[in-house]
Amino acid sequence: MNKIEIVYKNINDLVPYINNARINDYAVDFVASSILNFGFKNPIIISQNNEIIAGHTRLKAAKKIKLNEVPCIVANDLTEQQIKALRLADNKVAEISKWDNNILNLELEGIKDIDMSLFGFEIEEISADEFGDDFELADGDQGEIRTKSFTLHVNQLDFINESLNMVDTDNIEGFGNKNKDGNKLYGLVKEWAELRK
């Protein structure tokens, strides 16, 4: 196995792959926030010709925050077929993973000094007043806020995220819901339902 060597490249020398199949514009702001808060910890993988194999979103984020150079790994040990396969596999394997929401919520609760919404996490604040002693539901009652999860193809998710970003939350009745995406989804569905009448 070759040792990994990180080299720094001027962002203007890097060439996006013309057939990049990943729609990534929605993620650019979150990646930019990550770089600003933690530094550039995940190098861009490039070919010997400076063409991007993995890291198109990181490059867009670097340009957005006006970096001059970025860390890169030159994959000079791969064939053209392996490069094409890595390009797809790098994104596909991320789709397979899922969150354990109970553990995720515990981790998010333990982060006090960093706004995790900068990285795409929606954090719902729940008041202890909604619960009885020892955080059990009082008298079997449940709060009015509910969570519903969906399983989506990445293309569906990208389209939905783009649609949610177009929703103006100022004119949506939130019913006390502090989850912005939840309110946006409600607004979209309500508008659709009214058009169907």
N, C-alpha and C. Protein backbone atom coordinates (compact mmCIF):
# COMPACT_ATOMS: atom_id res chain seq x y z
N MET A 1 0.85 -1.19 0.00
CA MET A 1 0.00 0.00 0.00
C MET A 1 0.89 1.25 0.00
N ASN A 2 0.59 2.18 -0.91
CA ASN A 2 1.37 3.41 -0.98
C ASN A 2 1.07 4.31 0.21
N LYS A 3 2.09 5.02 0.66
CA LYS A 3 1.87 5.99 1.72
C LYS A 3 1.11 7.18 1.15
N ILE A 4 0.23 7.73 1.98
CA ILE A 4 -0.55 8.89 1.55
C ILE A 4 0.29 10.14 1.73
N GLU A 5 0.40 10.89 0.66
CA GLU A 5 1.13 12.15 0.72
C GLU A 5 0.17 13.29 0.40
N ILE A 6 0.12 14.27 1.26
CA ILE A 6 -0.76 15.42 1.06
C ILE A 6 0.04 16.55 0.43
N VAL A 7 -0.47 17.07 -0.67
CA VAL A 7 0.15 18.21 -1.34
C VAL A 7 -0.86 19.35 -1.40
N TYR A 8 -0.38 20.56 -1.40
CA TYR A 8 -1.27 21.71 -1.47
C TYR A 8 -1.31 22.24 -2.89
N LYS A 9 -2.53 22.43 -3.40
CA LYS A 9 -2.73 22.88 -4.77
C LYS A 9 -3.52 24.19 -4.79
N ASN A 10 -3.17 25.06 -5.71
CA ASN A 10 -3.96 26.26 -5.93
C ASN A 10 -5.34 25.84 -6.45
N ILE A 11 -6.39 26.42 -5.89
CA ILE A 11 -7.74 25.98 -6.27
C ILE A 11 -8.03 26.21 -7.75
N ASN A 12 -7.34 27.17 -8.36
CA ASN A 12 -7.55 27.44 -9.78
C ASN A 12 -6.91 26.38 -10.67
N ASP A 13 -6.03 25.56 -10.09
CA ASP A 13 -5.39 24.50 -10.87
C ASP A 13 -6.21 23.22 -10.87
N LEU A 14 -7.20 23.14 -9.98
CA LEU A 14 -8.00 21.91 -9.90
C LEU A 14 -9.12 21.93 -10.94
N VAL A 15 -9.36 20.76 -11.52
CA VAL A 15 -10.33 20.64 -12.62
C VAL A 15 -11.50 19.77 -12.17
N PRO A 16 -12.70 20.35 -12.05
CA PRO A 16 -13.87 19.52 -11.73
C PRO A 16 -14.11 18.50 -12.84
N TYR A 17 -14.55 17.31 -12.44
CA TYR A 17 -14.86 16.26 -13.42
C TYR A 17 -16.15 16.63 -14.14
N ILE A 18 -16.11 16.66 -15.46
CA ILE A 18 -17.23 17.18 -16.25
C ILE A 18 -18.49 16.33 -16.09
N ASN A 19 -18.33 15.04 -15.81
CA ASN A 19 -19.49 14.16 -15.66
C ASN A 19 -19.79 13.82 -14.21
N ASN A 20 -19.45 14.73 -13.31
CA ASN A 20 -19.74 14.47 -11.90
C ASN A 20 -21.25 14.28 -11.71
N ALA A 21 -21.64 13.12 -11.21
CA ALA A 21 -23.06 12.78 -11.11
C ALA A 21 -23.70 13.25 -9.81
N ARG A 22 -22.91 13.78 -8.92
CA ARG A 22 -23.42 14.18 -7.61
C ARG A 22 -23.92 15.61 -7.63
N ILE A 23 -25.17 15.82 -7.18
CA ILE A 23 -25.73 17.17 -7.04
C ILE A 23 -25.39 17.64 -5.63
N ASN A 24 -24.53 18.66 -5.53
CA ASN A 24 -23.97 18.98 -4.23
C ASN A 24 -24.15 20.43 -3.78
N ASP A 25 -24.86 21.24 -4.53
CA ASP A 25 -24.94 22.66 -4.19
C ASP A 25 -25.54 22.90 -2.81
N TYR A 26 -26.51 22.06 -2.42
CA TYR A 26 -27.16 22.23 -1.11
C TYR A 26 -26.16 22.07 0.04
N ALA A 27 -25.11 21.28 -0.17
CA ALA A 27 -24.18 20.97 0.91
C ALA A 27 -23.04 21.96 1.03
N VAL A 28 -22.87 22.85 0.05
CA VAL A 28 -21.69 23.71 0.01
C VAL A 28 -21.57 24.58 1.26
N ASP A 29 -22.66 25.22 1.66
CA ASP A 29 -22.60 26.11 2.83
C ASP A 29 -22.22 25.35 4.10
N PHE A 30 -22.73 24.11 4.23
CA PHE A 30 -22.42 23.32 5.41
C PHE A 30 -20.95 22.90 5.42
N VAL A 31 -20.44 22.53 4.26
CA VAL A 31 -19.02 22.16 4.17
C VAL A 31 -18.14 23.38 4.43
N ALA A 32 -18.55 24.53 3.91
CA ALA A 32 -17.80 25.76 4.16
C ALA A 32 -17.76 26.07 5.65
N SER A 33 -18.88 25.88 6.33
CA SER A 33 -18.92 26.09 7.79
C SER A 33 -17.97 25.14 8.50
N SER A 34 -17.93 23.89 8.04
CA SER A 34 -17.04 22.91 8.64
C SER A 34 -15.58 23.33 8.49
N ILE A 35 -15.22 23.79 7.29
CA ILE A 35 -13.84 24.21 7.05
C ILE A 35 -13.50 25.41 7.91
N LEU A 36 -14.41 26.37 8.00
CA LEU A 36 -14.15 27.57 8.80
C LEU A 36 -14.01 27.25 10.28
N ASN A 37 -14.79 26.29 10.76
CA ASN A 37 -14.78 25.97 12.19
C ASN A 37 -13.67 25.01 12.58
N PHE A 38 -13.32 24.08 11.69
CA PHE A 38 -12.40 23.02 12.08
C PHE A 38 -11.14 22.94 11.22
N GLY A 39 -11.09 23.72 10.15
CA GLY A 39 -9.98 23.63 9.22
C GLY A 39 -10.27 22.63 8.12
N PHE A 40 -9.40 22.57 7.14
CA PHE A 40 -9.58 21.68 6.00
C PHE A 40 -8.99 20.32 6.36
N LYS A 41 -9.81 19.45 6.98
CA LYS A 41 -9.32 18.18 7.53
C LYS A 41 -9.51 17.00 6.59
N ASN A 42 -10.19 17.21 5.48
CA ASN A 42 -10.48 16.11 4.55
C ASN A 42 -9.97 16.50 3.16
N PRO A 43 -8.79 16.04 2.77
CA PRO A 43 -8.20 16.47 1.49
C PRO A 43 -9.05 16.08 0.28
N ILE A 44 -8.88 16.83 -0.79
CA ILE A 44 -9.50 16.52 -2.07
C ILE A 44 -8.64 15.47 -2.77
N ILE A 45 -9.28 14.48 -3.35
CA ILE A 45 -8.55 13.45 -4.08
C ILE A 45 -8.56 13.82 -5.56
N ILE A 46 -7.38 13.85 -6.17
CA ILE A 46 -7.27 14.26 -7.56
C ILE A 46 -6.44 13.25 -8.36
N SER A 47 -6.56 13.33 -9.68
CA SER A 47 -5.74 12.51 -10.57
C SER A 47 -4.40 13.21 -10.79
N GLN A 48 -3.52 12.58 -11.56
CA GLN A 48 -2.23 13.20 -11.87
C GLN A 48 -2.39 14.47 -12.69
N ASN A 49 -3.54 14.60 -13.34
CA ASN A 49 -3.82 15.79 -14.17
C ASN A 49 -4.62 16.85 -13.42
N ASN A 50 -4.67 16.72 -12.10
CA ASN A 50 -5.40 17.67 -11.24
C ASN A 50 -6.91 17.62 -11.41
N GLU A 51 -7.42 16.57 -12.04
CA GLU A 51 -8.87 16.42 -12.16
C GLU A 51 -9.41 15.80 -10.87
N ILE A 52 -10.51 16.34 -10.38
CA ILE A 52 -11.05 15.89 -9.10
C ILE A 52 -11.67 14.50 -9.23
N ILE A 53 -11.28 13.64 -8.30
CA ILE A 53 -11.89 12.32 -8.18
C ILE A 53 -12.96 12.36 -7.09
N ALA A 54 -12.61 12.91 -5.95
CA ALA A 54 -13.55 13.06 -4.84
C ALA A 54 -13.25 14.38 -4.14
N GLY A 55 -14.30 15.19 -3.97
CA GLY A 55 -14.10 16.46 -3.28
C GLY A 55 -14.64 17.67 -4.02
N HIS A 56 -15.60 17.47 -4.92
CA HIS A 56 -16.17 18.61 -5.65
C HIS A 56 -16.84 19.61 -4.70
N THR A 57 -17.54 19.10 -3.69
CA THR A 57 -18.21 20.00 -2.75
C THR A 57 -17.18 20.78 -1.93
N ARG A 58 -16.10 20.10 -1.54
CA ARG A 58 -15.03 20.78 -0.79
C ARG A 58 -14.41 21.90 -1.62
N LEU A 59 -14.24 21.65 -2.93
CA LEU A 59 -13.67 22.69 -3.78
C LEU A 59 -14.61 23.89 -3.87
N LYS A 60 -15.90 23.64 -4.07
CA LYS A 60 -16.88 24.74 -4.12
C LYS A 60 -16.88 25.52 -2.81
N ALA A 61 -16.80 24.79 -1.68
CA ALA A 61 -16.78 25.45 -0.37
C ALA A 61 -15.51 26.29 -0.22
N ALA A 62 -14.38 25.76 -0.68
CA ALA A 62 -13.10 26.50 -0.59
C ALA A 62 -13.17 27.79 -1.40
N LYS A 63 -13.79 27.70 -2.57
CA LYS A 63 -13.93 28.90 -3.40
C LYS A 63 -14.87 29.90 -2.74
N LYS A 64 -15.91 29.39 -2.09
CA LYS A 64 -16.89 30.27 -1.45
C LYS A 64 -16.26 31.09 -0.33
N ILE A 65 -15.35 30.46 0.43
CA ILE A 65 -14.70 31.18 1.54
C ILE A 65 -13.34 31.74 1.12
N LYS A 66 -13.10 31.73 -0.20
CA LYS A 66 -11.95 32.40 -0.80
C LYS A 66 -10.59 31.88 -0.32
N LEU A 67 -10.48 30.56 -0.25
CA LEU A 67 -9.17 29.96 0.01
C LEU A 67 -8.36 29.98 -1.28
N ASN A 68 -7.05 30.12 -1.14
CA ASN A 68 -6.17 30.13 -2.31
C ASN A 68 -5.70 28.73 -2.68
N GLU A 69 -5.47 27.90 -1.66
CA GLU A 69 -5.00 26.54 -1.91
C GLU A 69 -5.66 25.58 -0.95
N VAL A 70 -5.66 24.32 -1.35
CA VAL A 70 -6.33 23.29 -0.55
C VAL A 70 -5.45 22.04 -0.52
N PRO A 71 -5.58 21.23 0.55
CA PRO A 71 -4.82 19.99 0.62
C PRO A 71 -5.41 18.95 -0.32
N CYS A 72 -4.54 18.22 -0.99
CA CYS A 72 -4.97 17.22 -1.96
C CYS A 72 -4.16 15.93 -1.80
N ILE A 73 -4.77 14.85 -2.22
CA ILE A 73 -4.07 13.57 -2.35
C ILE A 73 -4.10 13.21 -3.84
N VAL A 74 -2.93 12.99 -4.41
CA VAL A 74 -2.85 12.61 -5.81
C VAL A 74 -2.92 11.09 -5.91
N ALA A 75 -3.99 10.60 -6.53
CA ALA A 75 -4.19 9.15 -6.65
C ALA A 75 -3.47 8.66 -7.91
N ASN A 76 -2.13 8.66 -7.86
CA ASN A 76 -1.35 8.29 -9.04
C ASN A 76 -1.14 6.78 -9.15
N ASP A 77 -1.77 6.03 -8.25
CA ASP A 77 -1.62 4.57 -8.28
C ASP A 77 -2.86 3.88 -8.82
N LEU A 78 -3.84 4.66 -9.33
CA LEU A 78 -5.09 4.08 -9.79
C LEU A 78 -5.19 4.11 -11.31
N THR A 79 -5.84 3.09 -11.86
CA THR A 79 -6.13 3.07 -13.29
C THR A 79 -7.33 3.98 -13.56
N GLU A 80 -7.59 4.24 -14.83
CA GLU A 80 -8.74 5.07 -15.20
C GLU A 80 -10.05 4.43 -14.73
N GLN A 81 -10.14 3.10 -14.84
CA GLN A 81 -11.33 2.40 -14.37
C GLN A 81 -11.49 2.53 -12.86
N GLN A 82 -10.40 2.41 -12.13
CA GLN A 82 -10.46 2.54 -10.68
C GLN A 82 -10.84 3.96 -10.27
N ILE A 83 -10.36 4.95 -11.01
CA ILE A 83 -10.70 6.35 -10.72
C ILE A 83 -12.21 6.56 -10.90
N LYS A 84 -12.76 6.04 -12.02
CA LYS A 84 -14.20 6.18 -12.25
C LYS A 84 -15.00 5.49 -11.14
N ALA A 85 -14.53 4.31 -10.74
CA ALA A 85 -15.23 3.56 -9.70
C ALA A 85 -15.15 4.28 -8.36
N LEU A 86 -13.98 4.82 -8.03
CA LEU A 86 -13.81 5.53 -6.76
C LEU A 86 -14.69 6.76 -6.71
N ARG A 87 -14.80 7.47 -7.82
CA ARG A 87 -15.64 8.66 -7.89
C ARG A 87 -17.07 8.35 -7.44
N LEU A 88 -17.60 7.23 -7.93
CA LEU A 88 -18.97 6.86 -7.59
C LEU A 88 -19.05 6.24 -6.19
N ALA A 89 -18.10 5.37 -5.88
CA ALA A 89 -18.13 4.68 -4.59
C ALA A 89 -17.99 5.64 -3.42
N ASP A 90 -17.18 6.68 -3.58
CA ASP A 90 -16.94 7.63 -2.49
C ASP A 90 -18.25 8.27 -2.02
N ASN A 91 -19.14 8.57 -2.96
CA ASN A 91 -20.43 9.16 -2.60
C ASN A 91 -21.46 8.11 -2.20
N LYS A 92 -21.41 6.96 -2.88
CA LYS A 92 -22.45 5.96 -2.64
C LYS A 92 -22.37 5.38 -1.23
N VAL A 93 -21.17 5.12 -0.73
CA VAL A 93 -21.06 4.49 0.58
C VAL A 93 -21.62 5.39 1.68
N ALA A 94 -21.58 6.71 1.47
CA ALA A 94 -22.14 7.63 2.47
C ALA A 94 -23.65 7.50 2.57
N GLU A 95 -24.29 7.12 1.45
CA GLU A 95 -25.75 6.97 1.45
C GLU A 95 -26.19 5.75 2.25
N ILE A 96 -25.32 4.76 2.33
CA ILE A 96 -25.69 3.50 2.97
C ILE A 96 -25.79 3.65 4.48
N SER A 97 -24.96 4.53 5.03
CA SER A 97 -24.94 4.72 6.49
C SER A 97 -26.22 5.41 6.96
N LYS A 98 -26.63 5.08 8.18
CA LYS A 98 -27.79 5.72 8.79
C LYS A 98 -27.42 6.17 10.20
N TRP A 99 -28.21 7.07 10.74
CA TRP A 99 -27.98 7.57 12.09
C TRP A 99 -28.74 6.75 13.11
N ASP A 100 -28.12 6.50 14.25
CA ASP A 100 -28.84 6.04 15.44
C ASP A 100 -29.29 7.31 16.15
N ASN A 101 -30.56 7.67 16.00
CA ASN A 101 -31.03 8.97 16.46
C ASN A 101 -30.89 9.15 17.97
N ASN A 102 -31.01 8.07 18.74
CA ASN A 102 -30.86 8.20 20.18
C ASN A 102 -29.44 8.61 20.54
N ILE A 103 -28.46 7.94 19.93
CA ILE A 103 -27.06 8.29 20.19
C ILE A 103 -26.74 9.66 19.62
N LEU A 104 -27.26 9.94 18.42
CA LEU A 104 -27.02 11.24 17.80
C LEU A 104 -27.51 12.38 18.69
N ASN A 105 -28.71 12.23 19.23
CA ASN A 105 -29.25 13.28 20.11
C ASN A 105 -28.40 13.47 21.35
N LEU A 106 -27.91 12.36 21.90
CA LEU A 106 -27.02 12.48 23.06
C LEU A 106 -25.75 13.23 22.71
N GLU A 107 -25.19 12.92 21.55
CA GLU A 107 -23.97 13.61 21.11
C GLU A 107 -24.23 15.09 20.88
N LEU A 108 -25.35 15.41 20.24
CA LEU A 108 -25.68 16.81 19.97
C LEU A 108 -25.90 17.58 21.27
N GLU A 109 -26.54 16.92 22.23
CA GLU A 109 -26.78 17.57 23.52
C GLU A 109 -25.48 17.88 24.25
N GLY A 110 -24.44 17.08 23.96
CA GLY A 110 -23.15 17.29 24.63
C GLY A 110 -22.30 18.37 23.99
N ILE A 111 -22.78 18.95 22.90
CA ILE A 111 -22.03 20.02 22.22
C ILE A 111 -22.71 21.34 22.53
N LYS A 112 -22.10 22.12 23.39
CA LYS A 112 -22.72 23.36 23.88
C LYS A 112 -22.18 24.61 23.19
N ASP A 113 -20.93 24.57 22.76
CA ASP A 113 -20.27 25.80 22.29
C ASP A 113 -20.23 25.94 20.78
N ILE A 114 -20.79 24.98 20.06
CA ILE A 114 -20.77 25.02 18.60
C ILE A 114 -22.19 24.87 18.08
N ASP A 115 -22.58 25.75 17.18
CA ASP A 115 -23.92 25.70 16.59
C ASP A 115 -23.94 24.63 15.51
N MET A 116 -24.50 23.46 15.82
CA MET A 116 -24.47 22.34 14.89
C MET A 116 -25.43 22.51 13.71
N SER A 117 -26.31 23.51 13.78
CA SER A 117 -27.16 23.77 12.62
C SER A 117 -26.33 24.30 11.45
N LEU A 118 -25.12 24.79 11.73
CA LEU A 118 -24.22 25.25 10.67
C LEU A 118 -23.80 24.10 9.76
N PHE A 119 -23.98 22.87 10.25
CA PHE A 119 -23.56 21.69 9.50
C PHE A 119 -24.75 20.83 9.08
N GLY A 120 -25.95 21.42 9.14
CA GLY A 120 -27.13 20.74 8.63
C GLY A 120 -27.94 19.98 9.66
N PHE A 121 -27.54 20.04 10.94
CA PHE A 121 -28.30 19.35 11.97
C PHE A 121 -29.43 20.25 12.45
N GLU A 122 -30.64 19.69 12.48
CA GLU A 122 -31.78 20.40 13.03
C GLU A 122 -31.95 19.95 14.47
N ILE A 123 -31.82 20.88 15.39
CA ILE A 123 -31.87 20.55 16.81
C ILE A 123 -33.15 21.13 17.39
N GLU A 124 -34.01 20.23 17.84
CA GLU A 124 -35.28 20.64 18.42
C GLU A 124 -35.12 20.78 19.93
N GLU A 125 -35.38 21.96 20.41
CA GLU A 125 -35.29 22.20 21.85
C GLU A 125 -36.60 21.78 22.51
N ILE A 126 -36.51 20.89 23.47
CA ILE A 126 -37.69 20.40 24.19
C ILE A 126 -37.58 20.82 25.64
N SER A 127 -38.59 21.48 26.13
CA SER A 127 -38.57 21.95 27.51
C SER A 127 -38.85 20.80 28.47
N ALA A 128 -38.16 20.82 29.59
CA ALA A 128 -38.38 19.79 30.61
C ALA A 128 -39.79 19.89 31.19
N ASP A 129 -40.45 21.05 31.00
CA ASP A 129 -41.80 21.23 31.52
C ASP A 129 -42.81 20.30 30.84
N GLU A 130 -42.42 19.77 29.66
CA GLU A 130 -43.33 18.88 28.94
C GLU A 130 -43.37 17.49 29.58
N PHE A 131 -42.46 17.21 30.50
CA PHE A 131 -42.34 15.87 31.06
C PHE A 131 -42.63 15.89 32.56
N GLY A 132 -42.95 14.72 33.08
CA GLY A 132 -43.16 14.58 34.52
C GLY A 132 -41.84 14.33 35.22
N ASP A 133 -41.89 13.82 36.44
CA ASP A 133 -40.69 13.53 37.20
C ASP A 133 -39.85 12.48 36.47
N ASP A 134 -38.54 12.61 36.59
CA ASP A 134 -37.60 11.68 35.95
C ASP A 134 -37.80 11.61 34.44
N PHE A 135 -38.31 12.70 33.85
CA PHE A 135 -38.50 12.81 32.41
C PHE A 135 -39.40 11.71 31.84
N GLU A 136 -40.36 11.26 32.64
CA GLU A 136 -41.38 10.36 32.12
C GLU A 136 -42.58 11.19 31.71
N LEU A 137 -43.30 10.71 30.73
CA LEU A 137 -44.47 11.46 30.29
C LEU A 137 -45.52 11.50 31.40
N ALA A 138 -45.93 12.68 31.75
CA ALA A 138 -46.86 12.86 32.86
C ALA A 138 -48.22 12.28 32.51
N ASP A 139 -48.72 11.39 33.37
CA ASP A 139 -50.06 10.81 33.23
C ASP A 139 -50.28 10.20 31.85
N GLY A 140 -49.21 9.75 31.22
CA GLY A 140 -49.36 9.13 29.91
C GLY A 140 -49.57 10.10 28.77
N ASP A 141 -49.55 11.40 29.09
CA ASP A 141 -49.75 12.39 28.03
C ASP A 141 -48.48 12.54 27.21
N GLN A 142 -48.64 12.89 25.95
CA GLN A 142 -47.50 13.18 25.09
C GLN A 142 -47.57 14.63 24.65
N GLY A 143 -46.39 15.19 24.37
CA GLY A 143 -46.34 16.54 23.86
C GLY A 143 -46.93 16.60 22.46
N GLU A 144 -47.12 17.80 21.94
CA GLU A 144 -47.76 17.97 20.64
C GLU A 144 -46.79 17.82 19.47
N ILE A 145 -45.49 17.82 19.75
CA ILE A 145 -44.50 17.73 18.69
C ILE A 145 -44.20 16.27 18.39
N ARG A 146 -44.21 15.89 17.13
CA ARG A 146 -43.94 14.52 16.70
C ARG A 146 -42.81 14.50 15.69
N THR A 147 -42.15 13.37 15.55
CA THR A 147 -41.10 13.18 14.56
C THR A 147 -41.52 12.09 13.59
N LYS A 148 -41.35 12.36 12.29
CA LYS A 148 -41.66 11.36 11.25
C LYS A 148 -40.45 11.27 10.34
N SER A 149 -39.95 10.05 10.13
CA SER A 149 -38.77 9.89 9.28
C SER A 149 -39.18 9.31 7.93
N PHE A 150 -38.35 9.61 6.91
CA PHE A 150 -38.60 9.13 5.56
C PHE A 150 -37.33 8.47 5.02
N THR A 151 -37.50 7.49 4.18
CA THR A 151 -36.38 6.89 3.47
C THR A 151 -36.44 7.37 2.03
N LEU A 152 -35.37 8.05 1.58
CA LEU A 152 -35.38 8.70 0.27
C LEU A 152 -34.14 8.33 -0.53
N HIS A 153 -34.29 8.31 -1.84
CA HIS A 153 -33.14 8.23 -2.73
C HIS A 153 -32.43 9.58 -2.66
N VAL A 154 -31.14 9.60 -2.89
CA VAL A 154 -30.38 10.85 -2.77
C VAL A 154 -30.91 11.92 -3.73
N ASN A 155 -31.36 11.51 -4.93
CA ASN A 155 -31.91 12.49 -5.87
C ASN A 155 -33.22 13.08 -5.35
N GLN A 156 -34.02 12.23 -4.69
CA GLN A 156 -35.25 12.73 -4.08
C GLN A 156 -34.92 13.72 -2.96
N LEU A 157 -33.92 13.35 -2.15
CA LEU A 157 -33.54 14.20 -1.02
C LEU A 157 -33.01 15.55 -1.51
N ASP A 158 -32.18 15.53 -2.54
CA ASP A 158 -31.64 16.78 -3.07
C ASP A 158 -32.76 17.68 -3.59
N PHE A 159 -33.73 17.07 -4.31
CA PHE A 159 -34.84 17.86 -4.85
C PHE A 159 -35.69 18.43 -3.72
N ILE A 160 -35.95 17.61 -2.71
CA ILE A 160 -36.76 18.08 -1.57
C ILE A 160 -36.05 19.20 -0.83
N ASN A 161 -34.74 19.04 -0.60
CA ASN A 161 -33.98 20.09 0.09
C ASN A 161 -33.99 21.40 -0.70
N GLU A 162 -33.85 21.29 -2.03
CA GLU A 162 -33.91 22.49 -2.87
C GLU A 162 -35.29 23.14 -2.76
N SER A 163 -36.33 22.32 -2.74
CA SER A 163 -37.69 22.85 -2.63
C SER A 163 -37.91 23.51 -1.27
N LEU A 164 -37.41 22.87 -0.20
CA LEU A 164 -37.57 23.44 1.14
C LEU A 164 -36.86 24.78 1.25
N ASN A 165 -35.73 24.91 0.57
CA ASN A 165 -34.98 26.16 0.63
C ASN A 165 -35.72 27.32 -0.03
N MET A 166 -36.71 27.02 -0.87
CA MET A 166 -37.48 28.07 -1.53
C MET A 166 -38.67 28.54 -0.69
N VAL A 167 -38.93 27.86 0.41
CA VAL A 167 -40.12 28.18 1.21
C VAL A 167 -39.82 29.35 2.16
N ASP A 168 -40.73 30.31 2.18
CA ASP A 168 -40.63 31.45 3.10
C ASP A 168 -41.37 31.09 4.39
N THR A 169 -40.62 30.92 5.48
CA THR A 169 -41.22 30.49 6.74
C THR A 169 -41.98 31.62 7.46
N ASP A 170 -41.83 32.86 6.99
CA ASP A 170 -42.48 33.98 7.68
C ASP A 170 -44.00 33.88 7.64
N ASN A 171 -44.53 33.24 6.59
CA ASN A 171 -45.98 33.17 6.44
C ASN A 171 -46.55 31.78 6.73
N ILE A 172 -45.78 30.97 7.45
CA ILE A 172 -46.23 29.61 7.76
C ILE A 172 -46.56 29.52 9.25
N GLU A 173 -47.73 28.98 9.54
CA GLU A 173 -48.12 28.77 10.94
C GLU A 173 -47.33 27.59 11.49
N GLY A 174 -46.50 27.83 12.51
CA GLY A 174 -45.62 26.79 13.03
C GLY A 174 -46.19 25.99 14.18
N PHE A 175 -47.29 26.42 14.78
CA PHE A 175 -47.92 25.70 15.90
C PHE A 175 -46.92 25.42 17.02
N GLY A 176 -45.94 26.28 17.20
CA GLY A 176 -44.96 26.07 18.26
C GLY A 176 -43.81 25.16 17.88
N ASN A 177 -43.81 24.68 16.63
CA ASN A 177 -42.73 23.81 16.17
C ASN A 177 -41.49 24.65 15.88
N LYS A 178 -40.36 24.29 16.47
CA LYS A 178 -39.12 25.05 16.28
C LYS A 178 -38.24 24.46 15.18
N ASN A 179 -38.68 23.36 14.57
CA ASN A 179 -37.91 22.74 13.50
C ASN A 179 -38.22 23.43 12.18
N LYS A 180 -37.25 24.14 11.63
CA LYS A 180 -37.49 24.94 10.43
C LYS A 180 -37.90 24.08 9.24
N ASP A 181 -37.20 22.95 9.05
CA ASP A 181 -37.53 22.10 7.91
C ASP A 181 -38.93 21.51 8.05
N GLY A 182 -39.32 21.19 9.29
CA GLY A 182 -40.67 20.68 9.52
C GLY A 182 -41.72 21.70 9.13
N ASN A 183 -41.49 22.95 9.50
CA ASN A 183 -42.43 24.01 9.14
C ASN A 183 -42.46 24.25 7.64
N LYS A 184 -41.28 24.19 7.02
CA LYS A 184 -41.23 24.38 5.56
C LYS A 184 -41.99 23.26 4.85
N LEU A 185 -41.80 22.02 5.32
CA LEU A 185 -42.50 20.89 4.71
C LEU A 185 -44.01 21.06 4.86
N TYR A 186 -44.43 21.48 6.04
CA TYR A 186 -45.86 21.72 6.26
C TYR A 186 -46.37 22.77 5.29
N GLY A 187 -45.60 23.84 5.10
CA GLY A 187 -46.00 24.89 4.16
C GLY A 187 -46.12 24.38 2.75
N LEU A 188 -45.17 23.55 2.31
CA LEU A 188 -45.22 22.99 0.96
C LEU A 188 -46.45 22.11 0.78
N VAL A 189 -46.68 21.21 1.75
CA VAL A 189 -47.79 20.27 1.64
C VAL A 189 -49.13 21.01 1.71
N LYS A 190 -49.21 22.02 2.57
CA LYS A 190 -50.44 22.78 2.68
C LYS A 190 -50.76 23.50 1.37
N GLU A 191 -49.72 24.10 0.75
CA GLU A 191 -49.93 24.78 -0.52
C GLU A 191 -50.35 23.78 -1.60
N TRP A 192 -49.72 22.62 -1.62
CA TRP A 192 -50.07 21.58 -2.59
C TRP A 192 -51.53 21.14 -2.40
N ALA A 193 -51.91 20.93 -1.13
CA ALA A 193 -53.27 20.46 -0.82
C ALA A 193 -54.30 21.49 -1.26
N GLU A 194 -54.00 22.77 -1.07
CA GLU A 194 -54.95 23.81 -1.46
C GLU A 194 -55.09 23.88 -2.97
N LEU A 195 -53.99 23.61 -3.70
CA LEU A 195 -54.05 23.61 -5.16
C LEU A 195 -54.86 22.42 -5.68
N ARG A 196 -54.90 21.35 -4.90
CA ARG A 196 -55.60 20.13 -5.32
C ARG A 196 -57.12 20.23 -5.09
N LYS A 197 -57.53 21.20 -4.30
CA LYS A 197 -58.97 21.31 -3.99
C LYS A 197 -59.77 21.69 -5.22
